[in-house]
């Protein structure tokens, strides 16, 4: 009897949640949910307005605002998008942007993954000093190297090439990428590496089979950041490109030369916005984990 009474005392007391308690908890969270909904609508409104503008003819755009389409959907037309793909500049600019962005995302992630693993788990002379140097490079502004690199590119023949733009974005992405991935790799238990080495796994096998799969949240989050930075770049492309123009430069040129060419500028701008948004939505489940990479061990 004493043992049974002791077991009853140790069992947790389960309190059934009443309807009133559920309503009260929902009411306490209602202001937060309303605030998040309001912020979300404010963020989506410019995107929605740009999309509606891209469906308007130039005559309608000069006559009334985009909100008129909400009451008269028949005024919307897809002719702007059809004309956009028949324009030689915009499709080529999208293709150039895609090549630059893919190269400027994959290359720094590959190099930073190797460097981050080395800084985290390999002992070599001067490791800590080299990592301090990487941290110091985080404060170097991108604009500071435009003129020196411009001279180097002219000498090496990399000016106005996709490779030159990819290398520039890679160089300035590496300090942050190495810092992020090194901190994340440090959170992997040391026993995992020791067990793999006891089983005879080489460092290359450990990196490919253990580090990369376990570091996928941080790598995916870094890929999102880098993709957005390179895709939306304008300054570097204007400096190191002439014929090699990504979508941002193509839109900028149309705005500068043909300020009223809204039937081309609006759909091109929306497509330029929609592609990185789709990439973010595809990898959003890794985003929160990547933001906290290395913050907790």
C-alpha atoms as a PDB file:
ATOM      1  CA  UNK A   1       0.000   0.000   0.000  1.00  0.00           C
ATOM      2  CA  UNK A   2       2.791   2.402   0.843  1.00  0.00           C
ATOM      3  CA  UNK A   3       4.504   1.699  -2.477  1.00  0.00           C
ATOM      4  CA  UNK A   4       1.247   2.260  -4.384  1.00  0.00           C
ATOM      5  CA  UNK A   5       0.630   5.543  -2.572  1.00  0.00           C
ATOM      6  CA  UNK A   6       4.170   6.657  -3.341  1.00  0.00           C
ATOM      7  CA  UNK A   7       3.671   5.881  -7.056  1.00  0.00           C
ATOM      8  CA  UNK A   8       0.430   7.877  -7.096  1.00  0.00           C
ATOM      9  CA  UNK A   9       2.180  10.855  -5.547  1.00  0.00           C
ATOM     10  CA  UNK A  10       4.969  10.723  -8.130  1.00  0.00           C
ATOM     11  CA  UNK A  11       2.601  10.638 -11.123  1.00  0.00           C
ATOM     12  CA  UNK A  12       2.111  14.067 -12.716  1.00  0.00           C
ATOM     13  CA  UNK A  13      -1.300  15.602 -12.311  1.00  0.00           C
ATOM     14  CA  UNK A  14      -2.929  16.068 -15.714  1.00  0.00           C
ATOM     15  CA  UNK A  15      -5.246  19.076 -15.802  1.00  0.00           C
ATOM     16  CA  UNK A  16      -7.722  19.030 -18.657  1.00  0.00           C
ATOM     17  CA  UNK A  17      -7.752  22.248 -20.619  1.00  0.00           C
ATOM     18  CA  UNK A  18     -11.185  23.832 -20.612  1.00  0.00           C
ATOM     19  CA  UNK A  19     -12.727  25.808 -23.442  1.00  0.00           C
ATOM     20  CA  UNK A  20     -12.529  28.993 -21.397  1.00  0.00           C
ATOM     21  CA  UNK A  21      -8.805  28.508 -20.856  1.00  0.00           C
ATOM     22  CA  UNK A  22      -8.257  27.994 -24.577  1.00  0.00           C
ATOM     23  CA  UNK A  23     -10.199  31.144 -25.368  1.00  0.00           C
ATOM     24  CA  UNK A  24      -8.221  33.094 -22.773  1.00  0.00           C
ATOM     25  CA  UNK A  25      -4.893  31.898 -24.180  1.00  0.00           C
ATOM     26  CA  UNK A  26      -5.991  32.786 -27.716  1.00  0.00           C
ATOM     27  CA  UNK A  27      -7.117  36.238 -26.527  1.00  0.00           C
ATOM     28  CA  UNK A  28      -3.715  36.941 -24.984  1.00  0.00           C
ATOM     29  CA  UNK A  29      -1.989  36.071 -28.271  1.00  0.00           C
ATOM     30  CA  UNK A  30      -4.445  37.991 -30.434  1.00  0.00           C
ATOM     31  CA  UNK A  31      -2.597  41.372 -30.293  1.00  0.00           C
ATOM     32  CA  UNK A  32       0.659  39.705 -31.336  1.00  0.00           C
ATOM     33  CA  UNK A  33      -1.017  37.886 -34.214  1.00  0.00           C
ATOM     34  CA  UNK A  34      -2.720  41.072 -35.374  1.00  0.00           C
ATOM     35  CA  UNK A  35       0.561  42.974 -35.281  1.00  0.00           C
ATOM     36  CA  UNK A  36       2.334  40.247 -37.302  1.00  0.00           C
ATOM     37  CA  UNK A  37      -0.524  40.212 -39.802  1.00  0.00           C
ATOM     38  CA  UNK A  38      -0.301  43.993 -40.175  1.00  0.00           C
ATOM     39  CA  UNK A  39       3.470  43.855 -40.720  1.00  0.00           C
ATOM     40  CA  UNK A  40       3.031  41.058 -43.260  1.00  0.00           C
ATOM     41  CA  UNK A  41       0.446  43.057 -45.197  1.00  0.00           C
ATOM     42  CA  UNK A  42       2.712  46.121 -45.218  1.00  0.00           C
ATOM     43  CA  UNK A  43       5.548  43.985 -46.588  1.00  0.00           C
ATOM     44  CA  UNK A  44       3.370  42.397 -49.273  1.00  0.00           C
ATOM     45  CA  UNK A  45       1.637  45.597 -50.395  1.00  0.00           C
ATOM     46  CA  UNK A  46       4.503  46.965 -52.558  1.00  0.00           C
ATOM     47  CA  UNK A  47       4.958  43.545 -54.161  1.00  0.00           C
ATOM     48  CA  UNK A  48       1.249  43.276 -54.906  1.00  0.00           C
ATOM     49  CA  UNK A  49       1.168  46.840 -56.246  1.00  0.00           C
ATOM     50  CA  UNK A  50       4.109  46.094 -58.552  1.00  0.00           C
ATOM     51  CA  UNK A  51       2.386  42.976 -59.851  1.00  0.00           C
ATOM     52  CA  UNK A  52      -0.841  44.855 -60.539  1.00  0.00           C
ATOM     53  CA  UNK A  53       1.110  47.630 -62.271  1.00  0.00           C
ATOM     54  CA  UNK A  54       2.805  45.049 -64.493  1.00  0.00           C
ATOM     55  CA  UNK A  55      -0.654  44.023 -65.754  1.00  0.00           C
ATOM     56  CA  UNK A  56      -1.603  47.545 -66.856  1.00  0.00           C
ATOM     57  CA  UNK A  57      -1.165  49.146 -70.248  1.00  0.00           C
ATOM     58  CA  UNK A  58       0.789  52.424 -70.394  1.00  0.00           C
ATOM     59  CA  UNK A  59      -2.425  54.319 -71.171  1.00  0.00           C
ATOM     60  CA  UNK A  60      -4.187  52.892 -68.115  1.00  0.00           C
ATOM     61  CA  UNK A  61      -1.128  53.526 -65.951  1.00  0.00           C
ATOM     62  CA  UNK A  62      -1.138  57.212 -66.923  1.00  0.00           C
ATOM     63  CA  UNK A  63      -4.904  57.484 -66.355  1.00  0.00           C
ATOM     64  CA  UNK A  64      -5.445  55.860 -62.955  1.00  0.00           C
ATOM     65  CA  UNK A  65      -3.704  53.906 -60.192  1.00  0.00           C
ATOM     66  CA  UNK A  66      -3.164  50.166 -59.925  1.00  0.00           C
ATOM     67  CA  UNK A  67      -5.985  49.784 -57.388  1.00  0.00           C
ATOM     68  CA  UNK A  68      -8.462  50.405 -60.205  1.00  0.00           C
ATOM     69  CA  UNK A  69      -7.823  46.824 -61.343  1.00  0.00           C
ATOM     70  CA  UNK A  70      -9.396  45.555 -58.131  1.00  0.00           C
ATOM     71  CA  UNK A  71     -12.776  46.923 -59.191  1.00  0.00           C
ATOM     72  CA  UNK A  72     -12.257  46.291 -62.930  1.00  0.00           C
ATOM     73  CA  UNK A  73     -10.192  43.097 -63.407  1.00  0.00           C
ATOM     74  CA  UNK A  74     -11.013  43.146 -67.121  1.00  0.00           C
ATOM     75  CA  UNK A  75      -8.471  45.961 -67.568  1.00  0.00           C
ATOM     76  CA  UNK A  76      -5.609  43.601 -66.671  1.00  0.00           C
ATOM     77  CA  UNK A  77      -3.557  42.198 -69.538  1.00  0.00           C
ATOM     78  CA  UNK A  78      -0.651  39.764 -69.891  1.00  0.00           C
ATOM     79  CA  UNK A  79       0.628  41.482 -73.022  1.00  0.00           C
ATOM     80  CA  UNK A  80       3.401  43.175 -71.058  1.00  0.00           C
ATOM     81  CA  UNK A  81       4.917  39.811 -70.083  1.00  0.00           C
ATOM     82  CA  UNK A  82       4.544  38.524 -73.638  1.00  0.00           C
ATOM     83  CA  UNK A  83       6.346  41.591 -74.972  1.00  0.00           C
ATOM     84  CA  UNK A  84       9.008  41.260 -72.283  1.00  0.00           C
ATOM     85  CA  UNK A  85      10.134  37.839 -73.499  1.00  0.00           C
ATOM     86  CA  UNK A  86      10.342  39.117 -77.053  1.00  0.00           C
ATOM     87  CA  UNK A  87      12.684  41.876 -75.905  1.00  0.00           C
ATOM     88  CA  UNK A  88      16.293  40.846 -76.493  1.00  0.00           C
ATOM     89  CA  UNK A  89      17.792  42.640 -73.496  1.00  0.00           C
ATOM     90  CA  UNK A  90      15.703  41.426 -70.551  1.00  0.00           C
ATOM     91  CA  UNK A  91      15.820  37.627 -71.207  1.00  0.00           C
ATOM     92  CA  UNK A  92      19.574  37.847 -71.806  1.00  0.00           C
ATOM     93  CA  UNK A  93      19.982  39.890 -68.625  1.00  0.00           C
ATOM     94  CA  UNK A  94      18.030  37.271 -66.656  1.00  0.00           C
ATOM     95  CA  UNK A  95      20.277  34.520 -68.013  1.00  0.00           C
ATOM     96  CA  UNK A  96      23.420  36.490 -67.135  1.00  0.00           C
ATOM     97  CA  UNK A  97      22.037  37.173 -63.650  1.00  0.00           C
ATOM     98  CA  UNK A  98      21.317  33.487 -63.145  1.00  0.00           C
ATOM     99  CA  UNK A  99      24.858  32.489 -64.141  1.00  0.00           C
ATOM    100  CA  UNK A 100      26.444  35.134 -61.908  1.00  0.00           C
ATOM    101  CA  UNK A 101      24.202  34.268 -58.959  1.00  0.00           C
ATOM    102  CA  UNK A 102      24.702  30.511 -59.192  1.00  0.00           C
ATOM    103  CA  UNK A 103      28.473  30.893 -59.472  1.00  0.00           C
ATOM    104  CA  UNK A 104      28.580  33.596 -56.781  1.00  0.00           C
ATOM    105  CA  UNK A 105      26.606  31.338 -54.417  1.00  0.00           C
ATOM    106  CA  UNK A 106      28.092  27.879 -54.963  1.00  0.00           C
ATOM    107  CA  UNK A 107      31.766  28.903 -55.097  1.00  0.00           C
ATOM    108  CA  UNK A 108      31.933  30.809 -51.763  1.00  0.00           C
ATOM    109  CA  UNK A 109      29.874  28.118 -50.000  1.00  0.00           C
ATOM    110  CA  UNK A 110      32.222  25.400 -51.240  1.00  0.00           C
ATOM    111  CA  UNK A 111      35.361  27.284 -50.177  1.00  0.00           C
ATOM    112  CA  UNK A 112      33.847  28.462 -46.877  1.00  0.00           C
ATOM    113  CA  UNK A 113      32.713  24.926 -45.989  1.00  0.00           C
ATOM    114  CA  UNK A 114      36.242  23.602 -46.382  1.00  0.00           C
ATOM    115  CA  UNK A 115      37.754  26.555 -44.510  1.00  0.00           C
ATOM    116  CA  UNK A 116      35.116  26.431 -41.765  1.00  0.00           C
ATOM    117  CA  UNK A 117      35.791  22.733 -41.145  1.00  0.00           C
ATOM    118  CA  UNK A 118      39.540  23.375 -41.053  1.00  0.00           C
ATOM    119  CA  UNK A 119      39.201  26.259 -38.590  1.00  0.00           C
ATOM    120  CA  UNK A 120      36.815  24.262 -36.399  1.00  0.00           C
ATOM    121  CA  UNK A 121      38.373  20.792 -36.165  1.00  0.00           C
ATOM    122  CA  UNK A 122      41.838  20.723 -37.732  1.00  0.00           C
ATOM    123  CA  UNK A 123      44.976  21.786 -35.859  1.00  0.00           C
ATOM    124  CA  UNK A 124      47.552  23.624 -37.952  1.00  0.00           C
ATOM    125  CA  UNK A 125      50.094  26.380 -37.201  1.00  0.00           C
ATOM    126  CA  UNK A 126      48.624  29.877 -37.043  1.00  0.00           C
ATOM    127  CA  UNK A 127      45.007  28.716 -37.107  1.00  0.00           C
ATOM    128  CA  UNK A 128      43.756  31.199 -34.514  1.00  0.00           C
ATOM    129  CA  UNK A 129      45.637  34.123 -36.071  1.00  0.00           C
ATOM    130  CA  UNK A 130      44.286  33.305 -39.496  1.00  0.00           C
ATOM    131  CA  UNK A 131      40.754  33.178 -38.122  1.00  0.00           C
ATOM    132  CA  UNK A 132      41.257  36.579 -36.484  1.00  0.00           C
ATOM    133  CA  UNK A 133      42.325  37.875 -39.895  1.00  0.00           C
ATOM    134  CA  UNK A 134      39.110  36.476 -41.400  1.00  0.00           C
ATOM    135  CA  UNK A 135      37.072  38.251 -38.707  1.00  0.00           C
ATOM    136  CA  UNK A 136      38.928  41.493 -39.438  1.00  0.00           C
ATOM    137  CA  UNK A 137      38.009  41.248 -43.133  1.00  0.00           C
ATOM    138  CA  UNK A 138      34.327  41.450 -42.165  1.00  0.00           C
ATOM    139  CA  UNK A 139      34.684  45.203 -41.609  1.00  0.00           C
ATOM    140  CA  UNK A 140      36.211  45.926 -45.040  1.00  0.00           C
ATOM    141  CA  UNK A 141      33.532  47.683 -47.147  1.00  0.00           C
ATOM    142  CA  UNK A 142      32.869  46.388 -50.633  1.00  0.00           C
ATOM    143  CA  UNK A 143      33.236  49.866 -52.175  1.00  0.00           C
ATOM    144  CA  UNK A 144      36.809  50.145 -50.907  1.00  0.00           C
ATOM    145  CA  UNK A 145      38.128  47.563 -53.375  1.00  0.00           C
ATOM    146  CA  UNK A 146      36.282  48.671 -56.521  1.00  0.00           C
ATOM    147  CA  UNK A 147      39.083  50.778 -58.030  1.00  0.00           C
ATOM    148  CA  UNK A 148      42.027  48.447 -57.146  1.00  0.00           C
ATOM    149  CA  UNK A 149      40.159  45.388 -58.424  1.00  0.00           C
ATOM    150  CA  UNK A 150      39.105  47.320 -61.527  1.00  0.00           C
ATOM    151  CA  UNK A 151      42.782  47.836 -62.398  1.00  0.00           C
ATOM    152  CA  UNK A 152      43.584  44.172 -61.720  1.00  0.00           C
ATOM    153  CA  UNK A 153      40.677  43.032 -63.897  1.00  0.00           C
ATOM    154  CA  UNK A 154      41.869  45.229 -66.772  1.00  0.00           C
ATOM    155  CA  UNK A 155      45.312  43.654 -66.529  1.00  0.00           C
ATOM    156  CA  UNK A 156      44.049  40.059 -66.317  1.00  0.00           C
ATOM    157  CA  UNK A 157      41.256  40.434 -68.862  1.00  0.00           C
ATOM    158  CA  UNK A 158      38.486  39.756 -66.344  1.00  0.00           C
ATOM    159  CA  UNK A 159      36.673  43.049 -66.866  1.00  0.00           C
ATOM    160  CA  UNK A 160      33.172  42.697 -68.308  1.00  0.00           C
ATOM    161  CA  UNK A 161      33.097  38.930 -67.783  1.00  0.00           C
ATOM    162  CA  UNK A 162      30.825  36.668 -65.756  1.00  0.00           C
ATOM    163  CA  UNK A 163      33.867  35.076 -64.129  1.00  0.00           C
ATOM    164  CA  UNK A 164      35.100  38.463 -62.904  1.00  0.00           C
ATOM    165  CA  UNK A 165      31.771  39.245 -61.243  1.00  0.00           C
ATOM    166  CA  UNK A 166      31.590  35.780 -59.680  1.00  0.00           C
ATOM    167  CA  UNK A 167      35.107  36.082 -58.244  1.00  0.00           C
ATOM    168  CA  UNK A 168      34.406  39.531 -56.803  1.00  0.00           C
ATOM    169  CA  UNK A 169      31.215  38.383 -55.060  1.00  0.00           C
ATOM    170  CA  UNK A 170      33.021  35.268 -53.834  1.00  0.00           C
ATOM    171  CA  UNK A 171      35.885  37.250 -52.314  1.00  0.00           C
ATOM    172  CA  UNK A 172      33.608  39.507 -50.285  1.00  0.00           C
ATOM    173  CA  UNK A 173      31.292  36.688 -49.246  1.00  0.00           C
ATOM    174  CA  UNK A 174      34.041  34.451 -47.828  1.00  0.00           C
ATOM    175  CA  UNK A 175      34.735  36.224 -44.479  1.00  0.00           C
ATOM    176  CA  UNK A 176      31.128  36.075 -43.314  1.00  0.00           C
ATOM    177  CA  UNK A 177      30.598  32.593 -44.782  1.00  0.00           C
ATOM    178  CA  UNK A 178      33.692  31.180 -43.047  1.00  0.00           C
ATOM    179  CA  UNK A 179      32.731  32.818 -39.750  1.00  0.00           C
ATOM    180  CA  UNK A 180      29.177  31.443 -39.900  1.00  0.00           C
ATOM    181  CA  UNK A 181      30.058  27.893 -40.925  1.00  0.00           C
ATOM    182  CA  UNK A 182      33.025  27.591 -38.560  1.00  0.00           C
ATOM    183  CA  UNK A 183      30.800  28.489 -35.588  1.00  0.00           C
ATOM    184  CA  UNK A 184      28.152  26.031 -36.719  1.00  0.00           C
ATOM    185  CA  UNK A 185      30.646  23.203 -37.237  1.00  0.00           C
ATOM    186  CA  UNK A 186      31.980  23.761 -33.728  1.00  0.00           C
ATOM    187  CA  UNK A 187      28.544  22.762 -32.433  1.00  0.00           C
ATOM    188  CA  UNK A 188      28.874  19.266 -33.890  1.00  0.00           C
ATOM    189  CA  UNK A 189      29.851  16.786 -31.110  1.00  0.00           C
ATOM    190  CA  UNK A 190      33.525  15.884 -31.150  1.00  0.00           C
ATOM    191  CA  UNK A 191      32.687  12.213 -30.532  1.00  0.00           C
ATOM    192  CA  UNK A 192      31.225  11.990 -34.030  1.00  0.00           C
ATOM    193  CA  UNK A 193      34.582  12.831 -35.613  1.00  0.00           C
ATOM    194  CA  UNK A 194      36.545  10.606 -33.245  1.00  0.00           C
ATOM    195  CA  UNK A 195      34.304   7.633 -33.991  1.00  0.00           C
ATOM    196  CA  UNK A 196      34.683   8.197 -37.726  1.00  0.00           C
ATOM    197  CA  UNK A 197      38.479   8.409 -37.459  1.00  0.00           C
ATOM    198  CA  UNK A 198      38.593   5.197 -35.392  1.00  0.00           C
ATOM    199  CA  UNK A 199      36.629   3.476 -38.163  1.00  0.00           C
ATOM    200  CA  UNK A 200      39.310   4.587 -40.627  1.00  0.00           C
ATOM    201  CA  UNK A 201      37.493   7.461 -42.333  1.00  0.00           C
ATOM    202  CA  UNK A 202      39.690  10.059 -43.995  1.00  0.00           C
ATOM    203  CA  UNK A 203      39.242  13.792 -43.494  1.00  0.00           C
ATOM    204  CA  UNK A 204      37.690  14.082 -46.957  1.00  0.00           C
ATOM    205  CA  UNK A 205      35.183  11.330 -46.170  1.00  0.00           C
ATOM    206  CA  UNK A 206      34.349  12.936 -42.809  1.00  0.00           C
ATOM    207  CA  UNK A 207      33.759  16.257 -44.528  1.00  0.00           C
ATOM    208  CA  UNK A 208      31.531  14.817 -47.262  1.00  0.00           C
ATOM    209  CA  UNK A 209      29.597  12.260 -45.229  1.00  0.00           C
ATOM    210  CA  UNK A 210      29.325  13.991 -41.844  1.00  0.00           C
ATOM    211  CA  UNK A 211      30.074  17.700 -41.916  1.00  0.00           C
ATOM    212  CA  UNK A 212      28.068  18.663 -44.992  1.00  0.00           C
ATOM    213  CA  UNK A 213      24.864  16.772 -44.039  1.00  0.00           C
ATOM    214  CA  UNK A 214      24.987  17.969 -40.423  1.00  0.00           C
ATOM    215  CA  UNK A 215      25.776  21.525 -41.529  1.00  0.00           C
ATOM    216  CA  UNK A 216      22.938  21.686 -44.047  1.00  0.00           C
ATOM    217  CA  UNK A 217      20.840  24.240 -42.045  1.00  0.00           C
ATOM    218  CA  UNK A 218      23.710  26.745 -41.903  1.00  0.00           C
ATOM    219  CA  UNK A 219      24.727  26.088 -45.517  1.00  0.00           C
ATOM    220  CA  UNK A 220      21.150  26.548 -46.768  1.00  0.00           C
ATOM    221  CA  UNK A 221      20.733  29.743 -44.771  1.00  0.00           C
ATOM    222  CA  UNK A 222      24.035  31.074 -46.127  1.00  0.00           C
ATOM    223  CA  UNK A 223      22.931  30.153 -49.645  1.00  0.00           C
ATOM    224  CA  UNK A 224      19.759  32.217 -49.205  1.00  0.00           C
ATOM    225  CA  UNK A 225      21.701  35.262 -48.014  1.00  0.00           C
ATOM    226  CA  UNK A 226      24.299  35.001 -50.758  1.00  0.00           C
ATOM    227  CA  UNK A 227      21.717  34.391 -53.482  1.00  0.00           C
ATOM    228  CA  UNK A 228      19.799  37.512 -52.469  1.00  0.00           C
ATOM    229  CA  UNK A 229      22.943  39.657 -52.215  1.00  0.00           C
ATOM    230  CA  UNK A 230      24.280  38.655 -55.622  1.00  0.00           C
ATOM    231  CA  UNK A 231      20.908  38.701 -57.396  1.00  0.00           C
ATOM    232  CA  UNK A 232      20.081  42.219 -56.180  1.00  0.00           C
ATOM    233  CA  UNK A 233      23.564  43.639 -56.759  1.00  0.00           C
ATOM    234  CA  UNK A 234      23.783  46.814 -58.832  1.00  0.00           C
ATOM    235  CA  UNK A 235      27.016  48.580 -57.827  1.00  0.00           C
ATOM    236  CA  UNK A 236      29.463  45.759 -58.665  1.00  0.00           C
ATOM    237  CA  UNK A 237      27.697  44.986 -61.945  1.00  0.00           C
ATOM    238  CA  UNK A 238      27.796  48.640 -62.982  1.00  0.00           C
ATOM    239  CA  UNK A 239      31.514  48.870 -62.158  1.00  0.00           C
ATOM    240  CA  UNK A 240      32.795  45.652 -63.730  1.00  0.00           C
ATOM    241  CA  UNK A 241      30.287  45.115 -66.513  1.00  0.00           C
ATOM    242  CA  UNK A 242      29.573  46.753 -69.843  1.00  0.00           C
ATOM    243  CA  UNK A 243      28.032  44.130 -72.119  1.00  0.00           C
ATOM    244  CA  UNK A 244      27.695  41.673 -69.250  1.00  0.00           C
ATOM    245  CA  UNK A 245      24.609  43.203 -67.638  1.00  0.00           C
ATOM    246  CA  UNK A 246      22.462  41.451 -65.019  1.00  0.00           C
ATOM    247  CA  UNK A 247      18.774  42.211 -64.590  1.00  0.00           C
ATOM    248  CA  UNK A 248      19.339  45.048 -62.112  1.00  0.00           C
ATOM    249  CA  UNK A 249      21.527  46.931 -64.611  1.00  0.00           C
ATOM    250  CA  UNK A 250      19.066  46.258 -67.449  1.00  0.00           C
ATOM    251  CA  UNK A 251      16.180  47.694 -65.416  1.00  0.00           C
ATOM    252  CA  UNK A 252      18.318  50.636 -64.333  1.00  0.00           C
ATOM    253  CA  UNK A 253      19.220  51.379 -67.969  1.00  0.00           C
ATOM    254  CA  UNK A 254      15.573  51.325 -69.029  1.00  0.00           C
ATOM    255  CA  UNK A 255      14.586  53.623 -66.172  1.00  0.00           C
ATOM    256  CA  UNK A 256      17.375  56.057 -67.101  1.00  0.00           C
ATOM    257  CA  UNK A 257      16.770  56.046 -70.852  1.00  0.00           C
ATOM    258  CA  UNK A 258      13.027  55.451 -71.082  1.00  0.00           C
ATOM    259  CA  UNK A 259      11.457  56.722 -67.902  1.00  0.00           C
ATOM    260  CA  UNK A 260       7.925  56.130 -69.165  1.00  0.00           C
ATOM    261  CA  UNK A 261       8.573  52.597 -70.442  1.00  0.00           C
ATOM    262  CA  UNK A 262       6.434  51.151 -67.640  1.00  0.00           C
ATOM    263  CA  UNK A 263       5.153  48.194 -69.683  1.00  0.00           C
ATOM    264  CA  UNK A 264       8.739  46.853 -69.708  1.00  0.00           C
ATOM    265  CA  UNK A 265      10.054  48.072 -66.368  1.00  0.00           C
ATOM    266  CA  UNK A 266       7.162  46.787 -64.205  1.00  0.00           C
ATOM    267  CA  UNK A 267       7.076  43.142 -65.381  1.00  0.00           C
ATOM    268  CA  UNK A 268      10.885  42.939 -65.430  1.00  0.00           C
ATOM    269  CA  UNK A 269      11.018  44.278 -61.869  1.00  0.00           C
ATOM    270  CA  UNK A 270       8.383  41.822 -60.681  1.00  0.00           C
ATOM    271  CA  UNK A 271      10.191  38.851 -62.236  1.00  0.00           C
ATOM    272  CA  UNK A 272      13.432  40.069 -60.668  1.00  0.00           C
ATOM    273  CA  UNK A 273      11.638  40.133 -57.299  1.00  0.00           C
ATOM    274  CA  UNK A 274       9.720  36.870 -57.691  1.00  0.00           C
ATOM    275  CA  UNK A 275      12.711  34.598 -58.382  1.00  0.00           C
ATOM    276  CA  UNK A 276      14.662  35.288 -55.143  1.00  0.00           C
ATOM    277  CA  UNK A 277      11.364  35.194 -53.225  1.00  0.00           C
ATOM    278  CA  UNK A 278      10.717  31.705 -54.600  1.00  0.00           C
ATOM    279  CA  UNK A 279      14.227  30.640 -53.553  1.00  0.00           C
ATOM    280  CA  UNK A 280      13.623  31.944 -50.039  1.00  0.00           C
ATOM    281  CA  UNK A 281      10.294  30.093 -49.742  1.00  0.00           C
ATOM    282  CA  UNK A 282      11.921  26.879 -50.975  1.00  0.00           C
ATOM    283  CA  UNK A 283      14.576  26.955 -48.225  1.00  0.00           C
ATOM    284  CA  UNK A 284      12.680  28.755 -45.473  1.00  0.00           C
ATOM    285  CA  UNK A 285      12.592  25.718 -43.155  1.00  0.00           C
ATOM    286  CA  UNK A 286      16.382  25.961 -42.833  1.00  0.00           C
ATOM    287  CA  UNK A 287      16.394  29.724 -42.438  1.00  0.00           C
ATOM    288  CA  UNK A 288      15.642  29.983 -38.709  1.00  0.00           C
ATOM    289  CA  UNK A 289      18.100  27.221 -37.850  1.00  0.00           C
ATOM    290  CA  UNK A 290      20.796  28.923 -39.914  1.00  0.00           C
ATOM    291  CA  UNK A 291      20.224  32.276 -38.232  1.00  0.00           C
ATOM    292  CA  UNK A 292      21.081  30.679 -34.885  1.00  0.00           C
ATOM    293  CA  UNK A 293      24.093  28.821 -36.247  1.00  0.00           C
ATOM    294  CA  UNK A 294      26.860  28.699 -33.687  1.00  0.00           C
ATOM    295  CA  UNK A 295      24.992  30.761 -31.092  1.00  0.00           C
ATOM    296  CA  UNK A 296      24.335  27.791 -28.791  1.00  0.00           C
ATOM    297  CA  UNK A 297      26.685  24.881 -28.196  1.00  0.00           C
END
